[in-house]
Amino acid sequence: MGKQIQIRVDESMVQILDRIKREVADALKKQYNIKEVELNGNLISRIAASRLMGNTIFNFRIRKTGLNKGILELL
C-alpha cells in the first residue's frame, strides 16, 4: 500500500481523478456484471500514477459486500 500524503492540486486534477474513477468503475461493472463498485481512499490516485508510469496491468480483487456490490482493492 502506498504512503498517503496531503498535497494541494488544481481543481482540474480532481476532475481528472473523478473521470478515471468513473472509467474504472464502469469497466469493472461491465466485466464482472455487478451494479455497484466502491473505490476507497487513494486508490484512484494510485491507478492514475501507475498508468502514467506505463503500467496497464493491475492485481486486484473485488471484496463482495452484497449480491451486486463490491469494493475494489489493489493487491
PDB file of N, CA and C in Angstrom:
ATOM      1  N   MET A   1       0.840  -1.170   0.000  1.00  0.00           N
ATOM      2  CA  MET A   1       0.000   0.000   0.000  1.00  0.00           C
ATOM      3  C   MET A   1       0.880   1.226   0.000  1.00  0.00           C
ATOM      4  N   GLY A   2       0.489   2.241  -0.751  1.00  0.00           N
ATOM      5  CA  GLY A   2       1.269   3.464  -0.834  1.00  0.00           C
ATOM      6  C   GLY A   2       1.104   4.345   0.381  1.00  0.00           C
ATOM      7  N   LYS A   3       2.077   5.216   0.560  1.00  0.00           N
ATOM      8  CA  LYS A   3       2.043   6.156   1.669  1.00  0.00           C
ATOM      9  C   LYS A   3       1.125   7.317   1.294  1.00  0.00           C
ATOM     10  N   GLN A   4       0.272   7.726   2.215  1.00  0.00           N
ATOM     11  CA  GLN A   4      -0.629   8.844   1.958  1.00  0.00           C
ATOM     12  C   GLN A   4       0.002  10.133   2.453  1.00  0.00           C
ATOM     13  N   ILE A   5      -0.005  11.142   1.584  1.00  0.00           N
ATOM     14  CA  ILE A   5       0.443  12.465   1.970  1.00  0.00           C
ATOM     15  C   ILE A   5      -0.584  13.464   1.462  1.00  0.00           C
ATOM     16  N   GLN A   6      -0.663  14.598   2.105  1.00  0.00           N
ATOM     17  CA  GLN A   6      -1.579  15.638   1.646  1.00  0.00           C
ATOM     18  C   GLN A   6      -0.835  16.576   0.719  1.00  0.00           C
ATOM     19  N   ILE A   7      -1.465  16.857  -0.430  1.00  0.00           N
ATOM     20  CA  ILE A   7      -0.899  17.813  -1.371  1.00  0.00           C
ATOM     21  C   ILE A   7      -2.007  18.739  -1.846  1.00  0.00           C
ATOM     22  N   ARG A   8      -1.605  19.844  -2.383  1.00  0.00           N
ATOM     23  CA  ARG A   8      -2.576  20.760  -2.989  1.00  0.00           C
ATOM     24  C   ARG A   8      -2.496  20.588  -4.491  1.00  0.00           C
ATOM     25  N   VAL A   9      -3.656  20.441  -5.096  1.00  0.00           N
ATOM     26  CA  VAL A   9      -3.702  20.258  -6.548  1.00  0.00           C
ATOM     27  C   VAL A   9      -4.720  21.214  -7.142  1.00  0.00           C
ATOM     28  N   ASP A  10      -4.566  21.459  -8.414  1.00  0.00           N
ATOM     29  CA  ASP A  10      -5.511  22.274  -9.152  1.00  0.00           C
ATOM     30  C   ASP A  10      -6.845  21.546  -9.261  1.00  0.00           C
ATOM     31  N   GLU A  11      -7.911  22.291  -9.373  1.00  0.00           N
ATOM     32  CA  GLU A  11      -9.244  21.692  -9.475  1.00  0.00           C
ATOM     33  C   GLU A  11      -9.363  20.749 -10.669  1.00  0.00           C
ATOM     34  N   SER A  12      -8.614  21.034 -11.722  1.00  0.00           N
ATOM     35  CA  SER A  12      -8.686  20.169 -12.904  1.00  0.00           C
ATOM     36  C   SER A  12      -8.179  18.760 -12.596  1.00  0.00           C
ATOM     37  N   MET A  13      -7.241  18.637 -11.660  1.00  0.00           N
ATOM     38  CA  MET A  13      -6.740  17.316 -11.281  1.00  0.00           C
ATOM     39  C   MET A  13      -7.840  16.514 -10.595  1.00  0.00           C
ATOM     40  N   VAL A  14      -8.642  17.152  -9.798  1.00  0.00           N
ATOM     41  CA  VAL A  14      -9.761  16.485  -9.140  1.00  0.00           C
ATOM     42  C   VAL A  14     -10.730  15.968 -10.194  1.00  0.00           C
ATOM     43  N   GLN A  15     -10.969  16.764 -11.223  1.00  0.00           N
ATOM     44  CA  GLN A  15     -11.863  16.338 -12.304  1.00  0.00           C
ATOM     45  C   GLN A  15     -11.286  15.147 -13.054  1.00  0.00           C
ATOM     46  N   ILE A  16      -9.975  15.151 -13.278  1.00  0.00           N
ATOM     47  CA  ILE A  16      -9.322  14.037 -13.963  1.00  0.00           C
ATOM     48  C   ILE A  16      -9.450  12.759 -13.141  1.00  0.00           C
ATOM     49  N   LEU A  17      -9.208  12.862 -11.828  1.00  0.00           N
ATOM     50  CA  LEU A  17      -9.321  11.686 -10.967  1.00  0.00           C
ATOM     51  C   LEU A  17     -10.751  11.162 -10.932  1.00  0.00           C
ATOM     52  N   ASP A  18     -11.734  12.063 -10.933  1.00  0.00           N
ATOM     53  CA  ASP A  18     -13.136  11.636 -10.991  1.00  0.00           C
ATOM     54  C   ASP A  18     -13.435  10.903 -12.295  1.00  0.00           C
ATOM     55  N   ARG A  19     -12.864  11.398 -13.399  1.00  0.00           N
ATOM     56  CA  ARG A  19     -13.078  10.742 -14.687  1.00  0.00           C
ATOM     57  C   ARG A  19     -12.465   9.342 -14.696  1.00  0.00           C
ATOM     58  N   ILE A  20     -11.253   9.218 -14.163  1.00  0.00           N
ATOM     59  CA  ILE A  20     -10.605   7.910 -14.082  1.00  0.00           C
ATOM     60  C   ILE A  20     -11.418   6.973 -13.198  1.00  0.00           C
ATOM     61  N   LYS A  21     -11.943   7.501 -12.099  1.00  0.00           N
ATOM     62  CA  LYS A  21     -12.760   6.700 -11.184  1.00  0.00           C
ATOM     63  C   LYS A  21     -13.986   6.137 -11.896  1.00  0.00           C
ATOM     64  N   ARG A  22     -14.658   6.980 -12.672  1.00  0.00           N
ATOM     65  CA  ARG A  22     -15.834   6.526 -13.426  1.00  0.00           C
ATOM     66  C   ARG A  22     -15.456   5.481 -14.468  1.00  0.00           C
ATOM     67  N   GLU A  23     -14.347   5.708 -15.190  1.00  0.00           N
ATOM     68  CA  GLU A  23     -13.915   4.764 -16.215  1.00  0.00           C
ATOM     69  C   GLU A  23     -13.616   3.388 -15.615  1.00  0.00           C
ATOM     70  N   VAL A  24     -12.877   3.381 -14.509  1.00  0.00           N
ATOM     71  CA  VAL A  24     -12.518   2.114 -13.858  1.00  0.00           C
ATOM     72  C   VAL A  24     -13.767   1.424 -13.330  1.00  0.00           C
ATOM     73  N   ALA A  25     -14.634   2.175 -12.670  1.00  0.00           N
ATOM     74  CA  ALA A  25     -15.851   1.588 -12.108  1.00  0.00           C
ATOM     75  C   ALA A  25     -16.749   1.027 -13.211  1.00  0.00           C
ATOM     76  N   ASP A  26     -16.920   1.776 -14.301  1.00  0.00           N
ATOM     77  CA  ASP A  26     -17.762   1.300 -15.403  1.00  0.00           C
ATOM     78  C   ASP A  26     -17.196   0.035 -16.038  1.00  0.00           C
ATOM     79  N   ALA A  27     -15.877  -0.003 -16.222  1.00  0.00           N
ATOM     80  CA  ALA A  27     -15.247  -1.193 -16.821  1.00  0.00           C
ATOM     81  C   ALA A  27     -15.422  -2.412 -15.925  1.00  0.00           C
ATOM     82  N   LEU A  28     -15.249  -2.237 -14.616  1.00  0.00           N
ATOM     83  CA  LEU A  28     -15.400  -3.359 -13.690  1.00  0.00           C
ATOM     84  C   LEU A  28     -16.846  -3.823 -13.601  1.00  0.00           C
ATOM     85  N   LYS A  29     -17.778  -2.877 -13.602  1.00  0.00           N
ATOM     86  CA  LYS A  29     -19.197  -3.242 -13.562  1.00  0.00           C
ATOM     87  C   LYS A  29     -19.564  -4.092 -14.763  1.00  0.00           C
ATOM     88  N   LYS A  30     -19.090  -3.671 -15.938  1.00  0.00           N
ATOM     89  CA  LYS A  30     -19.403  -4.391 -17.163  1.00  0.00           C
ATOM     90  C   LYS A  30     -18.720  -5.759 -17.179  1.00  0.00           C
ATOM     91  N   GLN A  31     -17.453  -5.810 -16.799  1.00  0.00           N
ATOM     92  CA  GLN A  31     -16.683  -7.052 -16.868  1.00  0.00           C
ATOM     93  C   GLN A  31     -17.182  -8.094 -15.887  1.00  0.00           C
ATOM     94  N   TYR A  32     -17.548  -7.667 -14.663  1.00  0.00           N
ATOM     95  CA  TYR A  32     -17.927  -8.631 -13.625  1.00  0.00           C
ATOM     96  C   TYR A  32     -19.433  -8.667 -13.356  1.00  0.00           C
ATOM     97  N   ASN A  33     -20.208  -7.940 -14.155  1.00  0.00           N
ATOM     98  CA  ASN A  33     -21.666  -7.948 -14.068  1.00  0.00           C
ATOM     99  C   ASN A  33     -22.157  -7.628 -12.650  1.00  0.00           C
ATOM    100  N   ILE A  34     -21.687  -6.504 -12.124  1.00  0.00           N
ATOM    101  CA  ILE A  34     -22.150  -6.020 -10.829  1.00  0.00           C
ATOM    102  C   ILE A  34     -22.706  -4.615 -11.002  1.00  0.00           C
ATOM    103  N   LYS A  35     -23.543  -4.197 -10.077  1.00  0.00           N
ATOM    104  CA  LYS A  35     -24.202  -2.898 -10.188  1.00  0.00           C
ATOM    105  C   LYS A  35     -23.426  -1.773  -9.519  1.00  0.00           C
ATOM    106  N   GLU A  36     -22.703  -2.084  -8.445  1.00  0.00           N
ATOM    107  CA  GLU A  36     -22.036  -1.046  -7.665  1.00  0.00           C
ATOM    108  C   GLU A  36     -20.616  -1.464  -7.304  1.00  0.00           C
ATOM    109  N   VAL A  37     -19.648  -0.579  -7.561  1.00  0.00           N
ATOM    110  CA  VAL A  37     -18.258  -0.806  -7.166  1.00  0.00           C
ATOM    111  C   VAL A  37     -17.805   0.408  -6.374  1.00  0.00           C
ATOM    112  N   GLU A  38     -17.203   0.168  -5.219  1.00  0.00           N
ATOM    113  CA  GLU A  38     -16.725   1.253  -4.375  1.00  0.00           C
ATOM    114  C   GLU A  38     -15.206   1.328  -4.485  1.00  0.00           C
ATOM    115  N   LEU A  39     -14.694   2.531  -4.713  1.00  0.00           N
ATOM    116  CA  LEU A  39     -13.259   2.765  -4.816  1.00  0.00           C
ATOM    117  C   LEU A  39     -12.865   3.673  -3.662  1.00  0.00           C
ATOM    118  N   ASN A  40     -12.248   3.105  -2.637  1.00  0.00           N
ATOM    119  CA  ASN A  40     -11.967   3.830  -1.400  1.00  0.00           C
ATOM    120  C   ASN A  40     -10.595   4.489  -1.389  1.00  0.00           C
ATOM    121  N   GLY A  41     -10.477   5.485  -0.532  1.00  0.00           N
ATOM    122  CA  GLY A  41      -9.191   6.093  -0.216  1.00  0.00           C
ATOM    123  C   GLY A  41      -8.462   6.669  -1.416  1.00  0.00           C
ATOM    124  N   ASN A  42      -7.168   6.419  -1.444  1.00  0.00           N
ATOM    125  CA  ASN A  42      -6.331   6.986  -2.501  1.00  0.00           C
ATOM    126  C   ASN A  42      -6.173   6.026  -3.678  1.00  0.00           C
ATOM    127  N   LEU A  43      -7.085   5.110  -3.824  1.00  0.00           N
ATOM    128  CA  LEU A  43      -7.000   4.089  -4.864  1.00  0.00           C
ATOM    129  C   LEU A  43      -6.916   4.697  -6.263  1.00  0.00           C
ATOM    130  N   ILE A  44      -7.702   5.722  -6.530  1.00  0.00           N
ATOM    131  CA  ILE A  44      -7.717   6.323  -7.861  1.00  0.00           C
ATOM    132  C   ILE A  44      -6.396   7.007  -8.173  1.00  0.00           C
ATOM    133  N   SER A  45      -5.811   7.681  -7.196  1.00  0.00           N
ATOM    134  CA  SER A  45      -4.521   8.324  -7.460  1.00  0.00           C
ATOM    135  C   SER A  45      -3.444   7.264  -7.695  1.00  0.00           C
ATOM    136  N   ARG A  46      -3.542   6.112  -7.031  1.00  0.00           N
ATOM    137  CA  ARG A  46      -2.592   5.015  -7.267  1.00  0.00           C
ATOM    138  C   ARG A  46      -2.745   4.471  -8.682  1.00  0.00           C
ATOM    139  N   ILE A  47      -3.986   4.326  -9.144  1.00  0.00           N
ATOM    140  CA  ILE A  47      -4.233   3.845 -10.502  1.00  0.00           C
ATOM    141  C   ILE A  47      -3.721   4.862 -11.517  1.00  0.00           C
ATOM    142  N   ALA A  48      -3.984   6.149 -11.278  1.00  0.00           N
ATOM    143  CA  ALA A  48      -3.517   7.200 -12.190  1.00  0.00           C
ATOM    144  C   ALA A  48      -1.990   7.221 -12.251  1.00  0.00           C
ATOM    145  N   ALA A  49      -1.327   7.119 -11.109  1.00  0.00           N
ATOM    146  CA  ALA A  49       0.139   7.113 -11.081  1.00  0.00           C
ATOM    147  C   ALA A  49       0.685   5.906 -11.831  1.00  0.00           C
ATOM    148  N   SER A  50       0.070   4.742 -11.650  1.00  0.00           N
ATOM    149  CA  SER A  50       0.524   3.535 -12.346  1.00  0.00           C
ATOM    150  C   SER A  50       0.361   3.678 -13.852  1.00  0.00           C
ATOM    151  N   ARG A  51      -0.757   4.261 -14.263  1.00  0.00           N
ATOM    152  CA  ARG A  51      -0.976   4.474 -15.702  1.00  0.00           C
ATOM    153  C   ARG A  51       0.094   5.402 -16.272  1.00  0.00           C
ATOM    154  N   LEU A  52       0.421   6.471 -15.549  1.00  0.00           N
ATOM    155  CA  LEU A  52       1.432   7.414 -16.032  1.00  0.00           C
ATOM    156  C   LEU A  52       2.815   6.769 -16.115  1.00  0.00           C
ATOM    157  N   MET A  53       3.075   5.793 -15.269  1.00  0.00           N
ATOM    158  CA  MET A  53       4.350   5.079 -15.306  1.00  0.00           C
ATOM    159  C   MET A  53       4.350   3.956 -16.338  1.00  0.00           C
ATOM    160  N   GLY A  54       3.226   3.786 -17.042  1.00  0.00           N
ATOM    161  CA  GLY A  54       3.154   2.805 -18.118  1.00  0.00           C
ATOM    162  C   GLY A  54       2.619   1.451 -17.720  1.00  0.00           C
ATOM    163  N   ASN A  55       2.190   1.290 -16.488  1.00  0.00           N
ATOM    164  CA  ASN A  55       1.647   0.015 -16.034  1.00  0.00           C
ATOM    165  C   ASN A  55       0.168  -0.064 -16.400  1.00  0.00           C
ATOM    166  N   THR A  56      -0.194  -1.070 -17.165  1.00  0.00           N
ATOM    167  CA  THR A  56      -1.599  -1.225 -17.551  1.00  0.00           C
ATOM    168  C   THR A  56      -2.216  -2.483 -16.961  1.00  0.00           C
ATOM    169  N   ILE A  57      -1.425  -3.265 -16.256  1.00  0.00           N
ATOM    170  CA  ILE A  57      -1.922  -4.491 -15.639  1.00  0.00           C
ATOM    171  C   ILE A  57      -1.919  -4.303 -14.126  1.00  0.00           C
ATOM    172  N   PHE A  58      -3.082  -4.487 -13.513  1.00  0.00           N
ATOM    173  CA  PHE A  58      -3.231  -4.296 -12.081  1.00  0.00           C
ATOM    174  C   PHE A  58      -3.668  -5.593 -11.424  1.00  0.00           C
ATOM    175  N   ASN A  59      -3.081  -5.903 -10.299  1.00  0.00           N
ATOM    176  CA  ASN A  59      -3.528  -7.039  -9.495  1.00  0.00           C
ATOM    177  C   ASN A  59      -4.530  -6.503  -8.483  1.00  0.00           C
ATOM    178  N   PHE A  60      -5.731  -7.020  -8.528  1.00  0.00           N
ATOM    179  CA  PHE A  60      -6.774  -6.518  -7.644  1.00  0.00           C
ATOM    180  C   PHE A  60      -7.729  -7.638  -7.293  1.00  0.00           C
ATOM    181  N   ARG A  61      -8.566  -7.337  -6.330  1.00  0.00           N
ATOM    182  CA  ARG A  61      -9.681  -8.223  -6.021  1.00  0.00           C
ATOM    183  C   ARG A  61     -10.876  -7.339  -5.698  1.00  0.00           C
ATOM    184  N   ILE A  62     -12.047  -7.904  -5.861  1.00  0.00           N
ATOM    185  CA  ILE A  62     -13.270  -7.205  -5.502  1.00  0.00           C
ATOM    186  C   ILE A  62     -13.856  -7.915  -4.299  1.00  0.00           C
ATOM    187  N   ARG A  63     -13.904  -7.209  -3.184  1.00  0.00           N
ATOM    188  CA  ARG A  63     -14.477  -7.787  -1.965  1.00  0.00           C
ATOM    189  C   ARG A  63     -15.987  -7.559  -2.028  1.00  0.00           C
ATOM    190  N   LYS A  64     -16.741  -8.640  -2.141  1.00  0.00           N
ATOM    191  CA  LYS A  64     -18.190  -8.544  -2.266  1.00  0.00           C
ATOM    192  C   LYS A  64     -18.799  -8.057  -0.956  1.00  0.00           C
ATOM    193  N   THR A  65     -19.686  -7.063  -1.063  1.00  0.00           N
ATOM    194  CA  THR A  65     -20.394  -6.554   0.103  1.00  0.00           C
ATOM    195  C   THR A  65     -21.890  -6.797  -0.010  1.00  0.00           C
ATOM    196  N   GLY A  66     -22.305  -7.373  -1.101  1.00  0.00           N
ATOM    197  CA  GLY A  66     -23.707  -7.691  -1.329  1.00  0.00           C
ATOM    198  C   GLY A  66     -23.816  -8.508  -2.594  1.00  0.00           C
ATOM    199  N   LEU A  67     -25.032  -8.798  -2.994  1.00  0.00           N
ATOM    200  CA  LEU A  67     -25.256  -9.620  -4.173  1.00  0.00           C
ATOM    201  C   LEU A  67     -24.656  -8.983  -5.425  1.00  0.00           C
ATOM    202  N   ASN A  68     -24.864  -7.679  -5.610  1.00  0.00           N
ATOM    203  CA  ASN A  68     -24.376  -6.974  -6.790  1.00  0.00           C
ATOM    204  C   ASN A  68     -23.492  -5.793  -6.428  1.00  0.00           C
ATOM    205  N   LYS A  69     -22.795  -5.869  -5.292  1.00  0.00           N
ATOM    206  CA  LYS A  69     -21.957  -4.760  -4.840  1.00  0.00           C
ATOM    207  C   LYS A  69     -20.596  -5.284  -4.415  1.00  0.00           C
ATOM    208  N   GLY A  70     -19.587  -4.417  -4.524  1.00  0.00           N
ATOM    209  CA  GLY A  70     -18.258  -4.820  -4.085  1.00  0.00           C
ATOM    210  C   GLY A  70     -17.339  -3.631  -3.895  1.00  0.00           C
ATOM    211  N   ILE A  71     -16.208  -3.873  -3.238  1.00  0.00           N
ATOM    212  CA  ILE A  71     -15.201  -2.853  -3.002  1.00  0.00           C
ATOM    213  C   ILE A  71     -13.919  -3.303  -3.704  1.00  0.00           C
ATOM    214  N   LEU A  72     -13.366  -2.436  -4.551  1.00  0.00           N
ATOM    215  CA  LEU A  72     -12.142  -2.740  -5.269  1.00  0.00           C
ATOM    216  C   LEU A  72     -10.954  -2.562  -4.339  1.00  0.00           C
ATOM    217  N   GLU A  73     -10.061  -3.552  -4.321  1.00  0.00           N
ATOM    218  CA  GLU A  73      -8.843  -3.490  -3.511  1.00  0.00           C
ATOM    219  C   GLU A  73      -7.672  -3.889  -4.389  1.00  0.00           C
ATOM    220  N   LEU A  74      -6.659  -3.018  -4.461  1.00  0.00           N
ATOM    221  CA  LEU A  74      -5.447  -3.364  -5.191  1.00  0.00           C
ATOM    222  C   LEU A  74      -4.582  -4.254  -4.316  1.00  0.00           C
ATOM    223  N   LEU A  75      -3.932  -5.226  -4.931  1.00  0.00           N
ATOM    224  CA  LEU A  75      -3.059  -6.128  -4.192  1.00  0.00           C
ATOM    225  C   LEU A  75      -1.614  -5.704  -4.336  1.00  0.00           C
TER     226      LEU A  75
END
